[in-house]
Every structure is written in structure tokens, then in C-alpha cells.
Amino acid sequence: MTEREGVTVASEFRGIEVFGRVPRARSPRKSAAGPRKPTNRPRQRRRARLGIAALLAALVTLAGTVIGILSAMAGRYESGTLLAYLSTGTSVVAVLCGLAAVVTGRGRIPGFLGLVIGIAASPPVLTRLLAWASGLG
């Protein structure tokens, strides 16, 4: 215990007090003053580049799949097969980017659209879907 100006005060410090007691800053969560006051700083907006990239990759997947199907129907099987492989790769990119955009919040709406279009336009998914649908009739 230390004695200052005739008052006995219990010290919070261990060891030697060189500069005396320094008041600690209180965190805003512990204050009983009520809610925090709004600041004049503009809120930083998250960038939606990841979601837009997912949507663009999904649209490329959709275009490649449609062009591949049309070229295969016209008898150009090599180009149709190549476009199916390329569309499968871009659909994987669209799904992964869309999933990352939805989880991180960087363009959730375009990321979700890219995720759905990337899955629906994927050639392996379309092949299995059409095989299932052909067995219904």
C-alpha cells in the first residue's frame, strides 16, 4: 500500500512505480454509457470481384456447352468433345469461385448465380440428367 496526500491507496502495480498511476483506457464494450456513437467514417464495402468472376465463368460454361452440343449435332464430334472438356473445366472454376464468394460474402448474389449456372450447365451433370430423363419415357 502506498500513501499519497494522506490517503492510503492499494497499488495495482507490482514492483517500482516510476511515473505514478496511469489511468487505463476502457474498452467501449465495458462502458456503461450505452450504445456506441456512430462515426463519420464511411463503411468499407466488400468487393464483389469473386462473385462476378464466378458468374462470368458460369456464363462461359453455358456458352461452351451450348456450342459443343450444337457442333456435335452437326457432326463435328471432335470439336464438340473438346468444348465439353473445356466447359467441364470452367464449370469447376465457376462452382469453386461461387462457393468462395457465397461463404466470404464477396459478391454473394453473383456468386450464387454462378454456382447454380455452373452446376446446371456442366456437361457431366447434363449427361446424367439427360440419361435419367430418357429413361422416363
N, C-alpha and C. Protein backbone atom coordinates (compact mmCIF):
# COMPACT_ATOMS: atom_id res chain seq x y z
N MET A 1 0.84 -1.17 0.00
CA MET A 1 0.00 0.00 0.00
C MET A 1 0.89 1.23 0.00
N THR A 2 0.43 2.22 -0.73
CA THR A 2 1.17 3.48 -0.78
C THR A 2 0.33 4.57 -0.15
N GLU A 3 1.00 5.62 0.22
CA GLU A 3 0.28 6.71 0.88
C GLU A 3 0.52 7.97 0.09
N ARG A 4 -0.56 8.57 -0.44
CA ARG A 4 -0.47 9.82 -1.19
C ARG A 4 -1.39 10.84 -0.56
N GLU A 5 -0.87 11.95 -0.25
CA GLU A 5 -1.62 13.07 0.29
C GLU A 5 -2.51 12.65 1.45
N GLY A 6 -2.00 11.80 2.29
CA GLY A 6 -2.71 11.40 3.48
C GLY A 6 -3.72 10.29 3.27
N VAL A 7 -3.85 9.75 2.05
CA VAL A 7 -4.82 8.69 1.77
C VAL A 7 -4.05 7.42 1.43
N THR A 8 -4.44 6.33 2.04
CA THR A 8 -3.81 5.05 1.74
C THR A 8 -4.51 4.42 0.54
N VAL A 9 -3.72 4.14 -0.51
CA VAL A 9 -4.26 3.59 -1.75
C VAL A 9 -3.56 2.27 -2.03
N ALA A 10 -4.34 1.26 -2.38
CA ALA A 10 -3.76 -0.02 -2.76
C ALA A 10 -3.28 0.10 -4.20
N SER A 11 -2.07 -0.25 -4.45
CA SER A 11 -1.49 -0.13 -5.77
C SER A 11 -1.82 -1.35 -6.62
N GLU A 12 -2.12 -1.12 -7.92
CA GLU A 12 -2.38 -2.20 -8.85
C GLU A 12 -1.09 -2.74 -9.45
N PHE A 13 -0.01 -2.02 -9.26
CA PHE A 13 1.25 -2.37 -9.91
C PHE A 13 2.12 -3.19 -8.98
N ARG A 14 2.89 -4.06 -9.58
CA ARG A 14 3.89 -4.80 -8.83
C ARG A 14 5.25 -4.20 -9.17
N GLY A 15 6.05 -4.07 -8.24
CA GLY A 15 7.38 -3.51 -8.47
C GLY A 15 7.41 -2.03 -8.17
N ILE A 16 8.31 -1.33 -8.83
CA ILE A 16 8.52 0.08 -8.56
C ILE A 16 7.64 0.91 -9.48
N GLU A 17 6.94 1.89 -8.90
CA GLU A 17 6.14 2.82 -9.67
C GLU A 17 7.02 4.01 -10.00
N VAL A 18 7.37 4.15 -11.26
CA VAL A 18 8.27 5.21 -11.65
C VAL A 18 7.52 6.49 -11.96
N PHE A 19 6.44 6.40 -12.71
CA PHE A 19 5.72 7.59 -13.14
C PHE A 19 4.39 7.76 -12.43
N GLY A 20 4.11 6.96 -11.47
CA GLY A 20 2.83 7.06 -10.78
C GLY A 20 1.77 6.23 -11.50
N ARG A 21 0.57 6.38 -11.05
CA ARG A 21 -0.52 5.58 -11.62
C ARG A 21 -1.02 6.23 -12.90
N VAL A 22 -1.09 5.44 -13.97
CA VAL A 22 -1.57 5.91 -15.25
C VAL A 22 -2.96 5.29 -15.48
N PRO A 23 -3.97 6.12 -15.73
CA PRO A 23 -5.30 5.54 -15.95
C PRO A 23 -5.32 4.74 -17.25
N ARG A 24 -5.98 3.60 -17.19
CA ARG A 24 -6.07 2.74 -18.36
C ARG A 24 -7.29 3.13 -19.18
N ALA A 25 -7.14 3.01 -20.48
CA ALA A 25 -8.27 3.30 -21.36
C ALA A 25 -9.27 2.16 -21.29
N ARG A 26 -10.53 2.51 -21.18
CA ARG A 26 -11.56 1.48 -21.10
C ARG A 26 -12.01 1.10 -22.50
N SER A 27 -12.27 -0.15 -22.68
CA SER A 27 -12.77 -0.59 -23.97
C SER A 27 -14.23 -0.19 -24.08
N PRO A 28 -14.73 0.06 -25.30
CA PRO A 28 -16.11 0.51 -25.46
C PRO A 28 -17.14 -0.55 -25.06
N ARG A 29 -16.77 -1.81 -25.04
CA ARG A 29 -17.73 -2.85 -24.67
C ARG A 29 -18.04 -2.82 -23.19
N LYS A 30 -17.07 -2.43 -22.38
CA LYS A 30 -17.25 -2.48 -20.94
C LYS A 30 -17.88 -1.21 -20.37
N SER A 31 -18.05 -0.19 -21.19
CA SER A 31 -18.58 1.06 -20.66
C SER A 31 -20.08 0.93 -20.46
N ALA A 32 -20.55 1.58 -19.45
CA ALA A 32 -21.97 1.56 -19.13
C ALA A 32 -22.68 2.78 -19.71
N ALA A 33 -22.04 3.48 -20.63
CA ALA A 33 -22.59 4.71 -21.19
C ALA A 33 -23.67 4.45 -22.22
N GLY A 34 -23.84 3.22 -22.63
CA GLY A 34 -24.88 2.90 -23.60
C GLY A 34 -24.27 2.51 -24.94
N PRO A 35 -25.07 2.59 -25.99
CA PRO A 35 -24.57 2.18 -27.31
C PRO A 35 -23.50 3.13 -27.82
N ARG A 36 -22.68 2.60 -28.70
CA ARG A 36 -21.61 3.41 -29.27
C ARG A 36 -22.19 4.46 -30.22
N LYS A 37 -21.53 5.59 -30.27
CA LYS A 37 -21.96 6.66 -31.16
C LYS A 37 -21.46 6.34 -32.57
N PRO A 38 -22.26 6.63 -33.58
CA PRO A 38 -21.81 6.36 -34.96
C PRO A 38 -20.67 7.30 -35.33
N THR A 39 -19.75 6.78 -36.11
CA THR A 39 -18.64 7.59 -36.56
C THR A 39 -18.96 8.16 -37.93
N ASN A 40 -18.20 9.13 -38.34
CA ASN A 40 -18.40 9.76 -39.64
C ASN A 40 -17.66 9.04 -40.75
N ARG A 41 -16.94 7.96 -40.40
CA ARG A 41 -16.21 7.22 -41.42
C ARG A 41 -17.18 6.46 -42.31
N PRO A 42 -16.96 6.48 -43.61
CA PRO A 42 -17.82 5.65 -44.47
C PRO A 42 -17.44 4.18 -44.30
N ARG A 43 -18.46 3.35 -44.31
CA ARG A 43 -18.23 1.93 -44.14
C ARG A 43 -17.62 1.35 -45.41
N GLN A 44 -16.56 0.56 -45.24
CA GLN A 44 -15.92 -0.02 -46.41
C GLN A 44 -16.79 -1.12 -46.97
N ARG A 45 -16.98 -1.07 -48.27
CA ARG A 45 -17.82 -2.04 -48.94
C ARG A 45 -16.94 -3.17 -49.48
N ARG A 46 -17.40 -4.39 -49.28
CA ARG A 46 -16.63 -5.52 -49.80
C ARG A 46 -16.75 -5.56 -51.31
N ARG A 47 -15.68 -5.97 -51.93
CA ARG A 47 -15.67 -6.02 -53.38
C ARG A 47 -16.30 -7.31 -53.86
N ALA A 48 -17.00 -7.21 -54.96
CA ALA A 48 -17.74 -8.35 -55.48
C ALA A 48 -17.03 -9.02 -56.64
N ARG A 49 -15.72 -8.84 -56.74
CA ARG A 49 -14.98 -9.40 -57.87
C ARG A 49 -15.06 -10.93 -57.93
N LEU A 50 -15.02 -11.57 -56.80
CA LEU A 50 -15.05 -13.03 -56.78
C LEU A 50 -16.39 -13.56 -57.29
N GLY A 51 -17.48 -12.95 -56.87
CA GLY A 51 -18.79 -13.36 -57.34
C GLY A 51 -18.98 -13.09 -58.82
N ILE A 52 -18.45 -11.96 -59.29
CA ILE A 52 -18.54 -11.63 -60.71
C ILE A 52 -17.71 -12.60 -61.54
N ALA A 53 -16.54 -12.99 -61.03
CA ALA A 53 -15.71 -13.98 -61.72
C ALA A 53 -16.43 -15.32 -61.81
N ALA A 54 -17.13 -15.70 -60.75
CA ALA A 54 -17.89 -16.95 -60.77
C ALA A 54 -19.02 -16.88 -61.79
N LEU A 55 -19.70 -15.75 -61.86
CA LEU A 55 -20.79 -15.61 -62.81
C LEU A 55 -20.27 -15.62 -64.25
N LEU A 56 -19.15 -14.96 -64.50
CA LEU A 56 -18.57 -14.97 -65.84
C LEU A 56 -18.12 -16.37 -66.24
N ALA A 57 -17.50 -17.10 -65.31
CA ALA A 57 -17.08 -18.47 -65.61
C ALA A 57 -18.29 -19.35 -65.88
N ALA A 58 -19.38 -19.12 -65.17
CA ALA A 58 -20.60 -19.91 -65.40
C ALA A 58 -21.20 -19.60 -66.76
N LEU A 59 -21.17 -18.33 -67.16
CA LEU A 59 -21.70 -17.98 -68.48
C LEU A 59 -20.83 -18.55 -69.60
N VAL A 60 -19.52 -18.57 -69.40
CA VAL A 60 -18.63 -19.22 -70.37
C VAL A 60 -18.92 -20.72 -70.43
N THR A 61 -19.19 -21.33 -69.28
CA THR A 61 -19.56 -22.73 -69.25
C THR A 61 -20.84 -22.98 -70.04
N LEU A 62 -21.82 -22.14 -69.82
CA LEU A 62 -23.10 -22.29 -70.51
C LEU A 62 -22.92 -22.13 -72.02
N ALA A 63 -22.17 -21.11 -72.44
CA ALA A 63 -21.94 -20.89 -73.87
C ALA A 63 -21.16 -22.05 -74.49
N GLY A 64 -20.13 -22.51 -73.80
CA GLY A 64 -19.34 -23.63 -74.32
C GLY A 64 -20.14 -24.91 -74.42
N THR A 65 -21.00 -25.14 -73.47
CA THR A 65 -21.84 -26.35 -73.50
C THR A 65 -22.83 -26.29 -74.66
N VAL A 66 -23.47 -25.15 -74.84
CA VAL A 66 -24.44 -25.00 -75.93
C VAL A 66 -23.75 -25.14 -77.28
N ILE A 67 -22.61 -24.48 -77.45
CA ILE A 67 -21.89 -24.56 -78.72
C ILE A 67 -21.37 -25.99 -78.94
N GLY A 68 -20.92 -26.65 -77.89
CA GLY A 68 -20.46 -28.03 -78.02
C GLY A 68 -21.57 -28.97 -78.42
N ILE A 69 -22.75 -28.80 -77.85
CA ILE A 69 -23.89 -29.65 -78.21
C ILE A 69 -24.29 -29.39 -79.66
N LEU A 70 -24.33 -28.12 -80.07
CA LEU A 70 -24.70 -27.80 -81.44
C LEU A 70 -23.68 -28.34 -82.45
N SER A 71 -22.39 -28.25 -82.10
CA SER A 71 -21.38 -28.77 -83.03
C SER A 71 -21.41 -30.29 -83.08
N ALA A 72 -21.71 -30.96 -81.98
CA ALA A 72 -21.82 -32.42 -82.00
C ALA A 72 -23.05 -32.85 -82.81
N MET A 73 -24.13 -32.09 -82.73
CA MET A 73 -25.33 -32.41 -83.51
C MET A 73 -25.10 -32.18 -85.01
N ALA A 74 -24.15 -31.31 -85.34
CA ALA A 74 -23.85 -31.03 -86.74
C ALA A 74 -22.84 -32.04 -87.30
N GLY A 75 -22.37 -32.96 -86.49
CA GLY A 75 -21.46 -33.99 -86.97
C GLY A 75 -19.99 -33.70 -86.69
N ARG A 76 -19.68 -32.60 -86.06
CA ARG A 76 -18.28 -32.29 -85.72
C ARG A 76 -18.02 -32.77 -84.29
N TYR A 77 -17.76 -34.05 -84.15
CA TYR A 77 -17.66 -34.66 -82.82
C TYR A 77 -16.39 -34.25 -82.08
N GLU A 78 -15.29 -34.04 -82.82
CA GLU A 78 -14.03 -33.68 -82.16
C GLU A 78 -14.15 -32.32 -81.48
N SER A 79 -14.71 -31.35 -82.19
CA SER A 79 -14.84 -30.02 -81.58
C SER A 79 -15.87 -30.05 -80.45
N GLY A 80 -16.92 -30.85 -80.60
CA GLY A 80 -17.91 -30.98 -79.52
C GLY A 80 -17.31 -31.59 -78.27
N THR A 81 -16.44 -32.60 -78.45
CA THR A 81 -15.78 -33.24 -77.30
C THR A 81 -14.81 -32.27 -76.64
N LEU A 82 -14.06 -31.53 -77.44
CA LEU A 82 -13.13 -30.55 -76.88
C LEU A 82 -13.87 -29.47 -76.10
N LEU A 83 -14.97 -28.98 -76.65
CA LEU A 83 -15.74 -27.96 -75.94
C LEU A 83 -16.38 -28.53 -74.66
N ALA A 84 -16.73 -29.80 -74.67
CA ALA A 84 -17.27 -30.41 -73.45
C ALA A 84 -16.21 -30.46 -72.36
N TYR A 85 -14.96 -30.80 -72.72
CA TYR A 85 -13.89 -30.82 -71.73
C TYR A 85 -13.60 -29.41 -71.20
N LEU A 86 -13.57 -28.44 -72.10
CA LEU A 86 -13.31 -27.06 -71.66
C LEU A 86 -14.45 -26.54 -70.78
N SER A 87 -15.68 -26.89 -71.13
CA SER A 87 -16.82 -26.46 -70.33
C SER A 87 -16.82 -27.12 -68.96
N THR A 88 -16.36 -28.35 -68.89
CA THR A 88 -16.25 -29.02 -67.59
C THR A 88 -15.24 -28.31 -66.71
N GLY A 89 -14.11 -27.91 -67.27
CA GLY A 89 -13.10 -27.18 -66.50
C GLY A 89 -13.60 -25.83 -66.03
N THR A 90 -14.27 -25.10 -66.90
CA THR A 90 -14.77 -23.79 -66.48
C THR A 90 -15.93 -23.92 -65.50
N SER A 91 -16.67 -25.02 -65.57
CA SER A 91 -17.74 -25.20 -64.58
C SER A 91 -17.17 -25.47 -63.20
N VAL A 92 -16.04 -26.17 -63.14
CA VAL A 92 -15.38 -26.38 -61.84
C VAL A 92 -14.91 -25.04 -61.27
N VAL A 93 -14.34 -24.20 -62.13
CA VAL A 93 -13.90 -22.87 -61.69
C VAL A 93 -15.09 -22.04 -61.22
N ALA A 94 -16.19 -22.10 -61.96
CA ALA A 94 -17.39 -21.33 -61.59
C ALA A 94 -17.95 -21.79 -60.26
N VAL A 95 -18.00 -23.10 -60.04
CA VAL A 95 -18.55 -23.62 -58.79
C VAL A 95 -17.65 -23.26 -57.61
N LEU A 96 -16.35 -23.42 -57.77
CA LEU A 96 -15.44 -23.10 -56.66
C LEU A 96 -15.43 -21.60 -56.34
N CYS A 97 -15.40 -20.77 -57.38
CA CYS A 97 -15.43 -19.32 -57.13
C CYS A 97 -16.77 -18.90 -56.55
N GLY A 98 -17.86 -19.48 -57.03
CA GLY A 98 -19.17 -19.15 -56.50
C GLY A 98 -19.32 -19.56 -55.05
N LEU A 99 -18.81 -20.73 -54.72
CA LEU A 99 -18.86 -21.18 -53.33
C LEU A 99 -18.03 -20.27 -52.43
N ALA A 100 -16.84 -19.90 -52.89
CA ALA A 100 -15.99 -18.99 -52.11
C ALA A 100 -16.64 -17.62 -51.96
N ALA A 101 -17.30 -17.14 -53.00
CA ALA A 101 -17.97 -15.83 -52.94
C ALA A 101 -19.13 -15.85 -51.97
N VAL A 102 -19.88 -16.95 -51.96
CA VAL A 102 -21.02 -17.04 -51.05
C VAL A 102 -20.55 -17.13 -49.60
N VAL A 103 -19.50 -17.90 -49.36
CA VAL A 103 -19.01 -18.09 -48.00
C VAL A 103 -18.36 -16.81 -47.46
N THR A 104 -17.54 -16.16 -48.27
CA THR A 104 -16.81 -14.98 -47.79
C THR A 104 -17.62 -13.69 -47.91
N GLY A 105 -18.71 -13.71 -48.65
CA GLY A 105 -19.52 -12.50 -48.79
C GLY A 105 -18.98 -11.52 -49.79
N ARG A 106 -18.16 -11.96 -50.69
CA ARG A 106 -17.60 -11.08 -51.71
C ARG A 106 -18.36 -11.28 -53.02
N GLY A 107 -19.55 -10.72 -53.07
CA GLY A 107 -20.40 -10.87 -54.23
C GLY A 107 -21.29 -12.09 -54.09
N ARG A 108 -22.12 -12.10 -53.06
CA ARG A 108 -22.93 -13.29 -52.78
C ARG A 108 -23.94 -13.58 -53.88
N ILE A 109 -24.63 -12.58 -54.37
CA ILE A 109 -25.67 -12.82 -55.37
C ILE A 109 -25.07 -13.31 -56.69
N PRO A 110 -24.08 -12.61 -57.28
CA PRO A 110 -23.49 -13.17 -58.50
C PRO A 110 -22.77 -14.49 -58.24
N GLY A 111 -22.22 -14.66 -57.05
CA GLY A 111 -21.57 -15.93 -56.72
C GLY A 111 -22.55 -17.07 -56.66
N PHE A 112 -23.73 -16.81 -56.08
CA PHE A 112 -24.76 -17.85 -56.03
C PHE A 112 -25.27 -18.18 -57.42
N LEU A 113 -25.48 -17.15 -58.25
CA LEU A 113 -25.91 -17.40 -59.62
C LEU A 113 -24.85 -18.18 -60.40
N GLY A 114 -23.59 -17.84 -60.20
CA GLY A 114 -22.51 -18.58 -60.84
C GLY A 114 -22.45 -20.02 -60.37
N LEU A 115 -22.72 -20.24 -59.10
CA LEU A 115 -22.73 -21.59 -58.55
C LEU A 115 -23.84 -22.43 -59.17
N VAL A 116 -25.03 -21.86 -59.26
CA VAL A 116 -26.17 -22.61 -59.81
C VAL A 116 -26.00 -22.85 -61.31
N ILE A 117 -25.62 -21.82 -62.05
CA ILE A 117 -25.43 -21.98 -63.50
C ILE A 117 -24.27 -22.91 -63.79
N GLY A 118 -23.19 -22.80 -63.01
CA GLY A 118 -22.03 -23.68 -63.21
C GLY A 118 -22.36 -25.15 -62.99
N ILE A 119 -23.23 -25.43 -62.03
CA ILE A 119 -23.63 -26.82 -61.80
C ILE A 119 -24.60 -27.28 -62.89
N ALA A 120 -25.57 -26.42 -63.23
CA ALA A 120 -26.60 -26.83 -64.19
C ALA A 120 -26.06 -26.97 -65.61
N ALA A 121 -25.05 -26.17 -65.98
CA ALA A 121 -24.53 -26.20 -67.35
C ALA A 121 -23.32 -27.11 -67.50
N SER A 122 -22.95 -27.81 -66.48
CA SER A 122 -21.80 -28.69 -66.55
C SER A 122 -22.12 -29.90 -67.44
N PRO A 123 -21.27 -30.23 -68.42
CA PRO A 123 -21.55 -31.36 -69.30
C PRO A 123 -21.73 -32.71 -68.57
N PRO A 124 -20.95 -33.04 -67.54
CA PRO A 124 -21.22 -34.31 -66.86
C PRO A 124 -22.59 -34.34 -66.17
N VAL A 125 -23.01 -33.21 -65.61
CA VAL A 125 -24.33 -33.14 -64.97
C VAL A 125 -25.42 -33.24 -66.03
N LEU A 126 -25.24 -32.55 -67.16
CA LEU A 126 -26.23 -32.63 -68.23
C LEU A 126 -26.33 -34.03 -68.81
N THR A 127 -25.20 -34.72 -68.94
CA THR A 127 -25.21 -36.09 -69.46
C THR A 127 -26.01 -37.01 -68.56
N ARG A 128 -25.77 -36.91 -67.26
CA ARG A 128 -26.51 -37.76 -66.32
C ARG A 128 -27.99 -37.37 -66.23
N LEU A 129 -28.26 -36.09 -66.33
CA LEU A 129 -29.64 -35.62 -66.29
C LEU A 129 -30.43 -36.09 -67.52
N LEU A 130 -29.80 -35.98 -68.68
CA LEU A 130 -30.47 -36.43 -69.92
C LEU A 130 -30.60 -37.94 -69.96
N ALA A 131 -29.63 -38.67 -69.43
CA ALA A 131 -29.75 -40.14 -69.37
C ALA A 131 -30.89 -40.54 -68.46
N TRP A 132 -31.04 -39.85 -67.36
CA TRP A 132 -32.15 -40.14 -66.43
C TRP A 132 -33.48 -39.79 -67.08
N ALA A 133 -33.53 -38.64 -67.77
CA ALA A 133 -34.78 -38.20 -68.39
C ALA A 133 -35.17 -39.10 -69.55
N SER A 134 -34.20 -39.69 -70.27
CA SER A 134 -34.53 -40.58 -71.39
C SER A 134 -35.15 -41.89 -70.90
N GLY A 135 -34.88 -42.28 -69.69
CA GLY A 135 -35.44 -43.50 -69.13
C GLY A 135 -36.86 -43.32 -68.61
N LEU A 136 -37.31 -42.09 -68.51
CA LEU A 136 -38.66 -41.83 -68.01
C LEU A 136 -39.74 -42.14 -69.05
N GLY A 137 -39.41 -41.94 -70.33
CA GLY A 137 -40.43 -42.06 -71.37
C GLY A 137 -40.58 -43.38 -71.94
